[in-house]
PDB file of N, CA and C in Angstrom:
ATOM      1  N   MET A   1      -0.579  14.243 -11.968  1.00  0.00           N
ATOM      2  CA  MET A   1      -0.678  13.224 -11.636  1.00  0.00           C
ATOM      3  C   MET A   1       0.534  12.619 -13.136  1.00  0.00           C
ATOM      4  N   SER A   2       1.753  11.717 -12.537  1.00  0.00           N
ATOM      5  CA  SER A   2       2.639  11.513 -13.484  1.00  0.00           C
ATOM      6  C   SER A   2       2.127  10.418 -15.025  1.00  0.00           C
ATOM      7  N   THR A   3       2.733  10.399 -16.184  1.00  0.00           N
ATOM      8  CA  THR A   3       2.568   9.618 -17.321  1.00  0.00           C
ATOM      9  C   THR A   3       2.009   8.025 -16.762  1.00  0.00           C
ATOM     10  N   HIS A   4       2.996   7.401 -16.028  1.00  0.00           N
ATOM     11  CA  HIS A   4       2.470   6.685 -15.696  1.00  0.00           C
ATOM     12  C   HIS A   4       1.549   6.021 -14.493  1.00  0.00           C
ATOM     13  N   HIS A   5       0.985   6.818 -13.866  1.00  0.00           N
ATOM     14  CA  HIS A   5      -0.389   6.564 -13.072  1.00  0.00           C
ATOM     15  C   HIS A   5      -1.414   6.983 -14.376  1.00  0.00           C
ATOM     16  N   GLN A   6      -1.400   7.805 -15.217  1.00  0.00           N
ATOM     17  CA  GLN A   6      -1.929   8.030 -16.019  1.00  0.00           C
ATOM     18  C   GLN A   6      -2.634   6.835 -17.505  1.00  0.00           C
ATOM     19  N   ALA A   7      -1.504   5.720 -17.562  1.00  0.00           N
ATOM     20  CA  ALA A   7      -1.087   5.024 -18.179  1.00  0.00           C
ATOM     21  C   ALA A   7      -1.511   3.783 -17.304  1.00  0.00           C
ATOM     22  N   GLY A   8      -1.429   3.662 -15.872  1.00  0.00           N
ATOM     23  CA  GLY A   8      -2.023   2.480 -15.290  1.00  0.00           C
ATOM     24  C   GLY A   8      -3.320   2.412 -15.025  1.00  0.00           C
ATOM     25  N   LYS A   9      -3.949   3.936 -15.009  1.00  0.00           N
ATOM     26  CA  LYS A   9      -5.852   3.940 -14.769  1.00  0.00           C
ATOM     27  C   LYS A   9      -6.486   3.436 -16.257  1.00  0.00           C
ATOM     28  N   ALA A  10      -5.606   3.443 -17.516  1.00  0.00           N
ATOM     29  CA  ALA A  10      -6.468   2.855 -19.029  1.00  0.00           C
ATOM     30  C   ALA A  10      -6.762   0.799 -18.151  1.00  0.00           C
ATOM     31  N   SER A  11      -5.440   0.759 -17.783  1.00  0.00           N
ATOM     32  CA  SER A  11      -5.602  -1.094 -17.605  1.00  0.00           C
ATOM     33  C   SER A  11      -5.480  -1.106 -16.208  1.00  0.00           C
ATOM     34  N   ASN A  12      -5.988  -0.243 -15.184  1.00  0.00           N
ATOM     35  CA  ASN A  12      -6.927  -0.769 -14.273  1.00  0.00           C
ATOM     36  C   ASN A  12      -8.077   0.614 -13.545  1.00  0.00           C
ATOM     37  N   PRO A  13      -9.540   0.228 -13.648  1.00  0.00           N
ATOM     38  CA  PRO A  13     -10.317   1.113 -13.391  1.00  0.00           C
ATOM     39  C   PRO A  13      -9.995   1.637 -11.773  1.00  0.00           C
ATOM     40  N   LEU A  14      -9.579   0.882 -11.061  1.00  0.00           N
ATOM     41  CA  LEU A  14      -9.522   0.998  -9.430  1.00  0.00           C
ATOM     42  C   LEU A  14      -8.557   1.466  -8.991  1.00  0.00           C
ATOM     43  N   ALA A  15      -7.572   2.206  -9.642  1.00  0.00           N
ATOM     44  CA  ALA A  15      -6.218   2.689  -9.584  1.00  0.00           C
ATOM     45  C   ALA A  15      -6.763   4.001  -8.525  1.00  0.00           C
ATOM     46  N   GLY A  16      -7.543   4.829  -9.348  1.00  0.00           N
ATOM     47  CA  GLY A  16      -7.768   6.485  -8.374  1.00  0.00           C
ATOM     48  C   GLY A  16      -8.372   6.026  -7.552  1.00  0.00           C
ATOM     49  N   ASP A  17      -9.279   5.097  -6.987  1.00  0.00           N
ATOM     50  CA  ASP A  17      -9.561   4.818  -5.901  1.00  0.00           C
ATOM     51  C   ASP A  17      -8.654   3.979  -4.909  1.00  0.00           C
ATOM     52  N   LEU A  18      -7.659   3.635  -5.402  1.00  0.00           N
ATOM     53  CA  LEU A  18      -6.683   2.768  -4.783  1.00  0.00           C
ATOM     54  C   LEU A  18      -5.446   3.715  -4.234  1.00  0.00           C
ATOM     55  N   ASP A  19      -5.361   4.095  -4.548  1.00  0.00           N
ATOM     56  CA  ASP A  19      -4.829   6.058  -4.524  1.00  0.00           C
ATOM     57  C   ASP A  19      -5.544   6.622  -3.444  1.00  0.00           C
ATOM     58  N   HIS A  20      -6.198   6.994  -3.630  1.00  0.00           N
ATOM     59  CA  HIS A  20      -7.200   7.671  -2.434  1.00  0.00           C
ATOM     60  C   HIS A  20      -7.674   7.165  -1.339  1.00  0.00           C
ATOM     61  N   ILE A  21      -7.650   5.768  -1.515  1.00  0.00           N
ATOM     62  CA  ILE A  21      -7.451   5.104   0.167  1.00  0.00           C
ATOM     63  C   ILE A  21      -5.922   5.403   0.544  1.00  0.00           C
ATOM     64  N   LEU A  22      -4.776   4.768  -0.178  1.00  0.00           N
ATOM     65  CA  LEU A  22      -3.819   4.819   0.258  1.00  0.00           C
ATOM     66  C   LEU A  22      -3.117   5.911   1.183  1.00  0.00           C
ATOM     67  N   LYS A  23      -3.354   7.498   0.133  1.00  0.00           N
ATOM     68  CA  LYS A  23      -3.635   8.830   0.457  1.00  0.00           C
ATOM     69  C   LYS A  23      -3.704   8.807   1.895  1.00  0.00           C
ATOM     70  N   HIS A  24      -5.220   8.472   1.618  1.00  0.00           N
ATOM     71  CA  HIS A  24      -5.615   8.646   3.158  1.00  0.00           C
ATOM     72  C   HIS A  24      -5.546   7.550   4.558  1.00  0.00           C
ATOM     73  N   THR A  25      -5.025   6.798   4.336  1.00  0.00           N
ATOM     74  CA  THR A  25      -4.913   5.846   5.201  1.00  0.00           C
ATOM     75  C   THR A  25      -2.893   5.578   5.471  1.00  0.00           C
ATOM     76  N   LYS A  26      -2.207   6.654   5.153  1.00  0.00           N
ATOM     77  CA  LYS A  26      -1.144   6.618   5.046  1.00  0.00           C
ATOM     78  C   LYS A  26      -0.551   6.143   6.182  1.00  0.00           C
ATOM     79  N   ALA A  27      -1.204   6.280   7.633  1.00  0.00           N
ATOM     80  CA  ALA A  27      -0.329   6.574   8.970  1.00  0.00           C
ATOM     81  C   ALA A  27      -0.558   5.076   8.962  1.00  0.00           C
ATOM     82  N   LEU A  28      -1.703   4.823   9.060  1.00  0.00           N
ATOM     83  CA  LEU A  28      -1.833   3.808   9.430  1.00  0.00           C
ATOM     84  C   LEU A  28      -0.948   2.116   8.240  1.00  0.00           C
ATOM     85  N   TRP A  29      -1.013   2.124   7.655  1.00  0.00           N
ATOM     86  CA  TRP A  29      -0.092   1.280   6.888  1.00  0.00           C
ATOM     87  C   TRP A  29       1.383   1.528   6.974  1.00  0.00           C
ATOM     88  N   GLU A  30       1.864   2.880   7.791  1.00  0.00           N
ATOM     89  CA  GLU A  30       3.407   2.912   7.980  1.00  0.00           C
ATOM     90  C   GLU A  30       3.181   2.388   9.613  1.00  0.00           C
ATOM     91  N   ASP A  31       2.450   2.876  10.274  1.00  0.00           N
ATOM     92  CA  ASP A  31       2.593   1.904  11.171  1.00  0.00           C
ATOM     93  C   ASP A  31       2.403   0.458  11.335  1.00  0.00           C
ATOM     94  N   LEU A  32       1.980   0.023  10.732  1.00  0.00           N
ATOM     95  CA  LEU A  32       1.648  -1.779  10.300  1.00  0.00           C
ATOM     96  C   LEU A  32       2.783  -1.944  10.090  1.00  0.00           C
ATOM     97  N   ARG A  33       3.766  -1.398   8.915  1.00  0.00           N
ATOM     98  CA  ARG A  33       5.026  -1.900   8.764  1.00  0.00           C
ATOM     99  C   ARG A  33       5.917  -1.387   9.760  1.00  0.00           C
ATOM    100  N   GLU A  34       6.162  -1.197  10.896  1.00  0.00           N
ATOM    101  CA  GLU A  34       6.832  -0.656  11.797  1.00  0.00           C
ATOM    102  C   GLU A  34       6.797  -1.727  12.585  1.00  0.00           C
ATOM    103  N   LYS A  35       5.178  -2.164  13.186  1.00  0.00           N
ATOM    104  CA  LYS A  35       5.570  -3.427  13.307  1.00  0.00           C
ATOM    105  C   LYS A  35       5.405  -4.579  13.031  1.00  0.00           C
ATOM    106  N   ARG A  36       5.435  -4.901  11.667  1.00  0.00           N
ATOM    107  CA  ARG A  36       6.392  -6.158  10.603  1.00  0.00           C
ATOM    108  C   ARG A  36       7.559  -6.105  10.955  1.00  0.00           C
ATOM    109  N   ASP A  37       7.863  -5.014  11.057  1.00  0.00           N
ATOM    110  CA  ASP A  37       9.634  -4.911  11.218  1.00  0.00           C
ATOM    111  C   ASP A  37       9.833  -5.571  12.198  1.00  0.00           C
ATOM    112  N   VAL A  38       9.574  -6.250  13.463  1.00  0.00           N
ATOM    113  CA  VAL A  38      10.178  -6.656  14.535  1.00  0.00           C
ATOM    114  C   VAL A  38       9.939  -7.976  14.334  1.00  0.00           C
ATOM    115  N   PRO A  39      11.274  -8.053  14.971  1.00  0.00           N
ATOM    116  CA  PRO A  39      11.325  -9.531  14.439  1.00  0.00           C
ATOM    117  C   PRO A  39      10.353 -10.622  14.884  1.00  0.00           C
ATOM    118  N   GLN A  40      10.196 -11.732  14.342  1.00  0.00           N
ATOM    119  CA  GLN A  40       9.369 -12.800  14.773  1.00  0.00           C
ATOM    120  C   GLN A  40      10.454 -14.211  15.077  1.00  0.00           C
ATOM    121  N   PHE A  41       9.629 -14.826  16.400  1.00  0.00           N
ATOM    122  CA  PHE A  41      10.082 -15.751  16.549  1.00  0.00           C
ATOM    123  C   PHE A  41       9.065 -17.162  15.950  1.00  0.00           C
ATOM    124  N   SER A  42      10.210 -17.749  15.429  1.00  0.00           N
ATOM    125  CA  SER A  42      10.146 -19.008  14.249  1.00  0.00           C
ATOM    126  C   SER A  42       9.229 -20.116  15.223  1.00  0.00           C
ATOM    127  N   ARG A  43       8.264 -20.487  14.873  1.00  0.00           N
ATOM    128  CA  ARG A  43       7.124 -21.691  15.247  1.00  0.00           C
ATOM    129  C   ARG A  43       8.097 -22.874  15.130  1.00  0.00           C
ATOM    130  N   LYS A  44       7.845 -23.896  16.163  1.00  0.00           N
ATOM    131  CA  LYS A  44       8.443 -25.102  16.357  1.00  0.00           C
ATOM    132  C   LYS A  44       7.057 -25.601  15.413  1.00  0.00           C
ATOM    133  N   ARG A  45       7.217 -26.727  14.461  1.00  0.00           N
ATOM    134  CA  ARG A  45       6.438 -27.644  13.927  1.00  0.00           C
ATOM    135  C   ARG A  45       6.887 -28.999  14.634  1.00  0.00           C
TER     136      ARG A  45
END
């Protein structure tokens, strides 16, 4: 673990849990990111 992450754990007690979640759901986030990159049509107001 990098020094940056170790320092972050002192200020964020959930950092380890968040890292674990992101590690195990990486494919899901990548899939969502690809879908978000599709151009969106603007809504008429």
